[in-house]
C-alpha atoms as a PDB file:
ATOM      1  CA  MET A   1       9.649  56.608  25.677  1.00  0.00           C
ATOM      2  CA  PRO A   2       7.707  53.485  24.555  1.00  0.00           C
ATOM      3  CA  PRO A   3       5.941  51.482  27.251  1.00  0.00           C
ATOM      4  CA  THR A   4       7.693  48.458  28.739  1.00  0.00           C
ATOM      5  CA  SER A   5       5.425  46.004  26.937  1.00  0.00           C
ATOM      6  CA  ALA A   6       6.306  47.586  23.589  1.00  0.00           C
ATOM      7  CA  ARG A   7      10.019  47.318  24.292  1.00  0.00           C
ATOM      8  CA  ALA A   8       9.621  43.688  25.405  1.00  0.00           C
ATOM      9  CA  ARG A   9       7.917  42.566  22.200  1.00  0.00           C
ATOM     10  CA  PRO A  10      11.012  42.893  19.946  1.00  0.00           C
ATOM     11  CA  ARG A  11      13.115  41.033  22.534  1.00  0.00           C
ATOM     12  CA  LYS A  12      10.560  38.244  22.698  1.00  0.00           C
ATOM     13  CA  ALA A  13      10.392  38.034  18.921  1.00  0.00           C
ATOM     14  CA  LYS A  14      14.183  37.871  18.709  1.00  0.00           C
ATOM     15  CA  ALA A  15      14.330  35.203  21.400  1.00  0.00           C
ATOM     16  CA  ALA A  16      11.677  33.176  19.562  1.00  0.00           C
ATOM     17  CA  LYS A  17      13.643  33.478  16.315  1.00  0.00           C
ATOM     18  CA  VAL A  18      16.841  32.328  18.044  1.00  0.00           C
ATOM     19  CA  GLY A  19      14.933  29.401  19.513  1.00  0.00           C
ATOM     20  CA  VAL A  20      13.651  28.382  16.078  1.00  0.00           C
ATOM     21  CA  LEU A  21      17.149  28.630  14.576  1.00  0.00           C
ATOM     22  CA  ARG A  22      18.608  26.506  17.369  1.00  0.00           C
ATOM     23  CA  ALA A  23      15.888  23.905  16.975  1.00  0.00           C
ATOM     24  CA  THR A  24      16.458  23.819  13.201  1.00  0.00           C
ATOM     25  CA  ARG A  25      20.220  23.467  13.669  1.00  0.00           C
ATOM     26  CA  SER A  26      19.696  20.724  16.237  1.00  0.00           C
ATOM     27  CA  ARG A  27      17.332  18.910  13.858  1.00  0.00           C
ATOM     28  CA  LEU A  28      19.891  19.158  11.066  1.00  0.00           C
ATOM     29  CA  GLU A  29      22.612  17.817  13.335  1.00  0.00           C
ATOM     30  CA  VAL A  30      20.397  14.884  14.320  1.00  0.00           C
ATOM     31  CA  ASP A  31      19.558  14.158  10.682  1.00  0.00           C
ATOM     32  CA  GLN A  32      23.221  14.409   9.650  1.00  0.00           C
ATOM     33  CA  ARG A  33      24.346  12.075  12.424  1.00  0.00           C
ATOM     34  CA  ARG A  34      21.614   9.604  11.541  1.00  0.00           C
ATOM     35  CA  ALA A  35      22.600   9.721   7.875  1.00  0.00           C
ATOM     36  CA  GLN A  36      26.245   9.117   8.823  1.00  0.00           C
ATOM     37  CA  LEU A  37      25.269   6.063  10.866  1.00  0.00           C
ATOM     38  CA  VAL A  38      23.152   4.709   8.020  1.00  0.00           C
ATOM     39  CA  ARG A  39      26.046   5.121   5.556  1.00  0.00           C
ATOM     40  CA  LEU A  40      28.300   3.273   7.987  1.00  0.00           C
ATOM     41  CA  GLY A  41      25.724   0.505   8.289  1.00  0.00           C
ATOM     42  CA  ILE A  42      25.547   0.159   4.519  1.00  0.00           C
ATOM     43  CA  ASP A  43      29.331  -0.232   4.400  1.00  0.00           C
ATOM     44  CA  LEU A  44      29.307  -2.882   7.134  1.00  0.00           C
ATOM     45  CA  PHE A  45      26.360  -4.811   5.737  1.00  0.00           C
ATOM     46  CA  ALA A  46      27.878  -4.630   2.244  1.00  0.00           C
ATOM     47  CA  THR A  47      30.495  -7.204   3.218  1.00  0.00           C
ATOM     48  CA  ARG A  48      28.698  -9.162   5.944  1.00  0.00           C
ATOM     49  CA  SER A  49      25.200 -10.392   6.657  1.00  0.00           C
ATOM     50  CA  TYR A  50      22.813  -9.030   9.266  1.00  0.00           C
ATOM     51  CA  ASP A  51      23.531 -11.803  11.783  1.00  0.00           C
ATOM     52  CA  GLU A  52      27.292 -11.271  11.528  1.00  0.00           C
ATOM     53  CA  VAL A  53      27.198  -7.617  12.599  1.00  0.00           C
ATOM     54  CA  SER A  54      26.574  -6.802  16.269  1.00  0.00           C
ATOM     55  CA  ILE A  55      25.368  -3.578  17.879  1.00  0.00           C
ATOM     56  CA  ASP A  56      28.665  -3.414  19.806  1.00  0.00           C
ATOM     57  CA  GLU A  57      30.609  -3.497  16.544  1.00  0.00           C
ATOM     58  CA  LEU A  58      28.350  -0.903  14.962  1.00  0.00           C
ATOM     59  CA  ALA A  59      28.849   1.443  17.900  1.00  0.00           C
ATOM     60  CA  ARG A  60      32.633   0.950  17.876  1.00  0.00           C
ATOM     61  CA  ALA A  61      32.855   1.536  14.132  1.00  0.00           C
ATOM     62  CA  ALA A  62      30.781   4.712  14.486  1.00  0.00           C
ATOM     63  CA  GLY A  63      32.789   5.935  17.450  1.00  0.00           C
ATOM     64  CA  VAL A  64      29.670   6.319  19.586  1.00  0.00           C
ATOM     65  CA  SER A  65      28.221   4.580  22.621  1.00  0.00           C
ATOM     66  CA  LYS A  66      25.583   1.890  22.306  1.00  0.00           C
ATOM     67  CA  GLY A  67      23.243   4.222  24.142  1.00  0.00           C
ATOM     68  CA  LEU A  68      23.633   6.908  21.498  1.00  0.00           C
ATOM     69  CA  LEU A  69      23.149   4.369  18.723  1.00  0.00           C
ATOM     70  CA  TYR A  70      19.938   3.225  20.387  1.00  0.00           C
ATOM     71  CA  HIS A  71      18.874   6.869  20.605  1.00  0.00           C
ATOM     72  CA  TYR A  72      18.755   7.005  16.807  1.00  0.00           C
ATOM     73  CA  PHE A  73      17.669   3.403  16.232  1.00  0.00           C
ATOM     74  CA  PRO A  74      15.750   1.651  19.053  1.00  0.00           C
ATOM     75  CA  THR A  75      16.773  -1.823  17.850  1.00  0.00           C
ATOM     76  CA  LYS A  76      19.286  -3.454  15.534  1.00  0.00           C
ATOM     77  CA  ARG A  77      16.361  -4.332  13.273  1.00  0.00           C
ATOM     78  CA  ASP A  78      15.399  -0.654  13.015  1.00  0.00           C
ATOM     79  CA  PHE A  79      18.976   0.183  12.083  1.00  0.00           C
ATOM     80  CA  TYR A  80      19.084  -2.545   9.450  1.00  0.00           C
ATOM     81  CA  ILE A  81      15.756  -1.468   7.935  1.00  0.00           C
ATOM     82  CA  ALA A  82      17.095   2.101   7.680  1.00  0.00           C
ATOM     83  CA  THR A  83      20.156   0.832   5.802  1.00  0.00           C
ATOM     84  CA  VAL A  84      17.977  -1.245   3.466  1.00  0.00           C
ATOM     85  CA  GLN A  85      15.809   1.806   2.738  1.00  0.00           C
ATOM     86  CA  ASP A  86      18.835   3.950   1.972  1.00  0.00           C
ATOM     87  CA  ALA A  87      20.503   1.215  -0.080  1.00  0.00           C
ATOM     88  CA  SER A  88      17.302   0.827  -2.117  1.00  0.00           C
ATOM     89  CA  ARG A  89      17.249   4.559  -2.744  1.00  0.00           C
ATOM     90  CA  GLN A  90      20.884   4.412  -3.877  1.00  0.00           C
ATOM     91  CA  LEU A  91      20.148   1.523  -6.228  1.00  0.00           C
ATOM     92  CA  LEU A  92      17.265   3.395  -7.842  1.00  0.00           C
ATOM     93  CA  GLU A  93      19.414   6.504  -8.246  1.00  0.00           C
ATOM     94  CA  LEU A  94      22.377   4.581  -9.666  1.00  0.00           C
ATOM     95  CA  THR A  95      20.271   2.706 -12.202  1.00  0.00           C
ATOM     96  CA  GLU A  96      18.466   5.809 -13.441  1.00  0.00           C
ATOM     97  CA  THR A  97      19.646   6.723 -16.928  1.00  0.00           C
ATOM     98  CA  PRO A  98      19.388   9.974 -18.926  1.00  0.00           C
ATOM     99  CA  ASP A  99      16.134  10.448 -20.830  1.00  0.00           C
ATOM    100  CA  ASP A 100      17.976  11.538 -23.957  1.00  0.00           C
ATOM    101  CA  MET A 101      19.805   8.206 -24.327  1.00  0.00           C
ATOM    102  CA  PRO A 102      18.541   5.695 -26.916  1.00  0.00           C
ATOM    103  CA  GLN A 103      16.091   3.217 -25.403  1.00  0.00           C
ATOM    104  CA  LEU A 104      18.318   0.153 -25.715  1.00  0.00           C
ATOM    105  CA  GLY A 105      21.348   2.120 -24.559  1.00  0.00           C
ATOM    106  CA  ARG A 106      19.444   3.130 -21.432  1.00  0.00           C
ATOM    107  CA  LEU A 107      18.584  -0.501 -20.729  1.00  0.00           C
ATOM    108  CA  ARG A 108      22.212  -1.609 -21.076  1.00  0.00           C
ATOM    109  CA  ALA A 109      23.457   1.266 -18.922  1.00  0.00           C
ATOM    110  CA  GLY A 110      20.876   0.494 -16.241  1.00  0.00           C
ATOM    111  CA  LEU A 111      21.857  -3.175 -16.196  1.00  0.00           C
ATOM    112  CA  ASP A 112      25.538  -2.251 -15.941  1.00  0.00           C
ATOM    113  CA  ALA A 113      24.803  -0.004 -12.956  1.00  0.00           C
ATOM    114  CA  TYR A 114      22.681  -2.727 -11.353  1.00  0.00           C
ATOM    115  CA  LEU A 115      25.421  -5.337 -11.694  1.00  0.00           C
ATOM    116  CA  ASP A 116      28.007  -2.864 -10.392  1.00  0.00           C
ATOM    117  CA  TYR A 117      25.887  -2.418  -7.288  1.00  0.00           C
ATOM    118  CA  VAL A 118      25.339  -6.153  -6.814  1.00  0.00           C
ATOM    119  CA  ASP A 119      29.055  -6.821  -7.209  1.00  0.00           C
ATOM    120  CA  ALA A 120      30.019  -4.114  -4.693  1.00  0.00           C
ATOM    121  CA  HIS A 121      27.496  -5.345  -2.091  1.00  0.00           C
ATOM    122  CA  ALA A 122      27.558  -9.067  -2.857  1.00  0.00           C
ATOM    123  CA  PRO A 123      27.305 -10.598   0.675  1.00  0.00           C
ATOM    124  CA  ALA A 124      24.598  -8.198   1.817  1.00  0.00           C
ATOM    125  CA  TYR A 125      22.705  -8.531  -1.466  1.00  0.00           C
ATOM    126  CA  ALA A 126      22.775 -12.323  -1.265  1.00  0.00           C
ATOM    127  CA  ALA A 127      21.604 -12.347   2.370  1.00  0.00           C
ATOM    128  CA  LEU A 128      18.834  -9.850   1.628  1.00  0.00           C
ATOM    129  CA  MET A 129      17.518 -11.616  -1.462  1.00  0.00           C
ATOM    130  CA  ARG A 130      17.522 -14.946   0.373  1.00  0.00           C
ATOM    131  CA  GLY A 131      15.353 -13.640   3.189  1.00  0.00           C
ATOM    132  CA  GLY A 132      17.549 -11.484   5.408  1.00  0.00           C
ATOM    133  CA  VAL A 133      16.366 -10.922   8.999  1.00  0.00           C
ATOM    134  CA  GLY A 134      14.069 -13.910   8.786  1.00  0.00           C
ATOM    135  CA  ALA A 135      12.116 -12.465   5.853  1.00  0.00           C
ATOM    136  CA  ASP A 136      11.187  -9.412   7.932  1.00  0.00           C
ATOM    137  CA  PRO A 137       7.905  -7.929   6.604  1.00  0.00           C
ATOM    138  CA  GLU A 138       9.227  -4.349   6.716  1.00  0.00           C
ATOM    139  CA  VAL A 139      12.345  -5.329   4.783  1.00  0.00           C
ATOM    140  CA  ALA A 140      10.160  -7.250   2.331  1.00  0.00           C
ATOM    141  CA  ARG A 141       8.011  -4.132   1.880  1.00  0.00           C
ATOM    142  CA  VAL A 142      11.056  -1.983   1.041  1.00  0.00           C
ATOM    143  CA  ILE A 143      12.288  -4.567  -1.468  1.00  0.00           C
ATOM    144  CA  ASP A 144       8.862  -4.856  -3.078  1.00  0.00           C
ATOM    145  CA  GLU A 145       8.548  -1.077  -3.391  1.00  0.00           C
ATOM    146  CA  THR A 146      11.973  -0.969  -5.050  1.00  0.00           C
ATOM    147  CA  ARG A 147      10.923  -3.665  -7.515  1.00  0.00           C
ATOM    148  CA  ALA A 148       7.707  -1.785  -8.258  1.00  0.00           C
ATOM    149  CA  ALA A 149       9.651   1.442  -8.903  1.00  0.00           C
ATOM    150  CA  MET A 150      12.006  -0.382 -11.268  1.00  0.00           C
ATOM    151  CA  CYS A 151       9.062  -1.992 -13.037  1.00  0.00           C
ATOM    152  CA  ASP A 152       7.342   1.379 -13.496  1.00  0.00           C
ATOM    153  CA  ARG A 153      10.550   2.870 -14.871  1.00  0.00           C
ATOM    154  CA  LEU A 154      10.965   0.039 -17.384  1.00  0.00           C
ATOM    155  CA  LEU A 155       7.343   0.266 -18.522  1.00  0.00           C
ATOM    156  CA  LEU A 156       7.692   4.000 -19.106  1.00  0.00           C
ATOM    157  CA  GLY A 157      10.709   3.239 -21.286  1.00  0.00           C
ATOM    158  CA  LEU A 158       8.671   1.001 -23.586  1.00  0.00           C
ATOM    159  CA  PRO A 159       6.848   3.560 -25.768  1.00  0.00           C
ATOM    160  CA  ASP A 160       5.706   1.057 -28.377  1.00  0.00           C
ATOM    161  CA  VAL A 161       4.259  -1.419 -25.874  1.00  0.00           C
ATOM    162  CA  ALA A 162       1.049  -0.875 -23.922  1.00  0.00           C
ATOM    163  CA  PRO A 163       1.667  -1.436 -20.182  1.00  0.00           C
ATOM    164  CA  THR A 164      -1.087  -4.015 -19.824  1.00  0.00           C
ATOM    165  CA  PRO A 165      -1.337  -6.165 -16.687  1.00  0.00           C
ATOM    166  CA  LEU A 166       0.234  -9.078 -18.572  1.00  0.00           C
ATOM    167  CA  VAL A 167       3.164  -6.955 -19.767  1.00  0.00           C
ATOM    168  CA  ARG A 168       3.640  -5.620 -16.250  1.00  0.00           C
ATOM    169  CA  THR A 169       3.571  -9.170 -14.891  1.00  0.00           C
ATOM    170  CA  ALA A 170       6.195 -10.154 -17.438  1.00  0.00           C
ATOM    171  CA  VAL A 171       8.461  -7.267 -16.398  1.00  0.00           C
ATOM    172  CA  ARG A 172       8.078  -8.168 -12.719  1.00  0.00           C
ATOM    173  CA  GLY A 173       8.935 -11.747 -13.580  1.00  0.00           C
ATOM    174  CA  TRP A 174      11.986 -10.549 -15.489  1.00  0.00           C
ATOM    175  CA  LEU A 175      13.141  -8.595 -12.439  1.00  0.00           C
ATOM    176  CA  GLY A 176      12.933 -11.829 -10.435  1.00  0.00           C
ATOM    177  CA  PHE A 177      14.983 -13.523 -13.144  1.00  0.00           C
ATOM    178  CA  CYS A 178      17.625 -10.790 -12.847  1.00  0.00           C
ATOM    179  CA  GLU A 179      17.790 -11.228  -9.069  1.00  0.00           C
ATOM    180  CA  ALA A 180      18.180 -15.003  -9.321  1.00  0.00           C
ATOM    181  CA  THR A 181      20.757 -14.678 -12.097  1.00  0.00           C
ATOM    182  CA  SER A 182      22.710 -12.121 -10.073  1.00  0.00           C
ATOM    183  CA  LEU A 183      22.790 -14.471  -7.075  1.00  0.00           C
ATOM    184  CA  GLU A 184      24.090 -17.306  -9.231  1.00  0.00           C
ATOM    185  CA  TRP A 185      26.738 -14.984 -10.683  1.00  0.00           C
ATOM    186  CA  ILE A 186      28.104 -13.692  -7.361  1.00  0.00           C
ATOM    187  CA  ASP A 187      27.970 -17.194  -5.826  1.00  0.00           C
ATOM    188  CA  ARG A 188      29.913 -19.009  -8.542  1.00  0.00           C
ATOM    189  CA  ARG A 189      31.649 -16.355 -10.651  1.00  0.00           C
ATOM    190  CA  ALA A 190      31.600 -18.920 -13.450  1.00  0.00           C
ATOM    191  CA  VAL A 191      30.268 -16.528 -16.084  1.00  0.00           C
ATOM    192  CA  ALA A 192      31.669 -13.213 -17.268  1.00  0.00           C
ATOM    193  CA  ARG A 193      29.841 -10.122 -16.063  1.00  0.00           C
ATOM    194  CA  SER A 194      29.271  -8.950 -19.639  1.00  0.00           C
ATOM    195  CA  GLN A 195      27.557 -12.255 -20.434  1.00  0.00           C
ATOM    196  CA  ILE A 196      25.242 -11.857 -17.459  1.00  0.00           C
ATOM    197  CA  ARG A 197      24.322  -8.361 -18.590  1.00  0.00           C
ATOM    198  CA  ASP A 198      23.723  -9.476 -22.178  1.00  0.00           C
ATOM    199  CA  LEU A 199      21.615 -12.411 -20.997  1.00  0.00           C
ATOM    200  CA  MET A 200      19.378 -10.115 -18.940  1.00  0.00           C
ATOM    201  CA  PHE A 201      19.168  -7.711 -21.863  1.00  0.00           C
ATOM    202  CA  GLU A 202      18.169 -10.359 -24.413  1.00  0.00           C
ATOM    203  CA  VAL A 203      15.678 -12.088 -22.110  1.00  0.00           C
ATOM    204  CA  LEU A 204      13.776  -8.824 -21.586  1.00  0.00           C
ATOM    205  CA  LEU A 205      13.749  -8.059 -25.311  1.00  0.00           C
ATOM    206  CA  ALA A 206      12.366 -11.546 -25.969  1.00  0.00           C
ATOM    207  CA  THR A 207       9.849 -11.463 -23.102  1.00  0.00           C
ATOM    208  CA  ILE A 208       8.077  -8.173 -23.855  1.00  0.00           C
ATOM    209  CA  PRO A 209       6.911  -9.082 -27.395  1.00  0.00           C
ATOM    210  CA  ILE A 210       5.626 -12.444 -26.164  1.00  0.00           C
ATOM    211  CA  ALA A 211       3.606 -10.795 -23.380  1.00  0.00           C
ATOM    212  CA  ALA A 212       2.292  -8.167 -25.819  1.00  0.00           C
ATOM    213  CA  ARG A 213       1.297 -10.848 -28.360  1.00  0.00           C
ATOM    214  CA  LEU A 214      -0.459 -13.032 -25.767  1.00  0.00           C
ATOM    215  CA  ASN A 215      -2.328  -9.996 -24.522  1.00  0.00           C
ATOM    216  CA  ALA A 216      -3.591  -9.042 -27.991  1.00  0.00           C
ATOM    217  CA  PRO A 217      -7.231  -9.931 -28.804  1.00  0.00           C
ATOM    218  CA  PRO A 218      -7.623 -13.050 -30.949  1.00  0.00           C
ATOM    219  CA  VAL A 219      -7.961 -12.558 -34.665  1.00  0.00           C
ATOM    220  CA  THR A 220     -11.355 -13.694 -35.892  1.00  0.00           C
END
């Protein structure tokens, strides 16, 4: 008969394994609940600005207590930042196009996806681009990182153009143009969506060669 300590070791190992599995399951449940709350926040902020949505309303819509909501997000600002981060991730995913598409087709498809997103989240997009949450530095950081990711993606899709600092600056400026044009479009709805897309498309095609030419060394 094995000694008591030998018999105890398998039981301890099994108990430790059960503890790890429970902790993993608990972590997954926490992550899933947090993700559900973030998705709900995106839906609420898609139609209303940050100041218009209260913690009480968020808790009611989620079917949880304010205390539980604060357990996942210590402040309303933290909750909003989480929704901005997730919305930015969604935007990058939605505007990503297949590598095997023709270059210009990819650009058009990406612009269509971008305008679809802006249209579906118009109030929140407008509030965010105009300095939501008092131009919060963390929100500004998320937005800037999203712009940088979009800029990198566009530069990689320009095989015949060297991504010089001037070309990169031009692409970043074009992204700002797209944001301002989108705001004007959702504010006034005076121009057809297809015209907005074509305008963005043509402005980029005109801007890149100019930046490339200005960056070229002078001919002596």
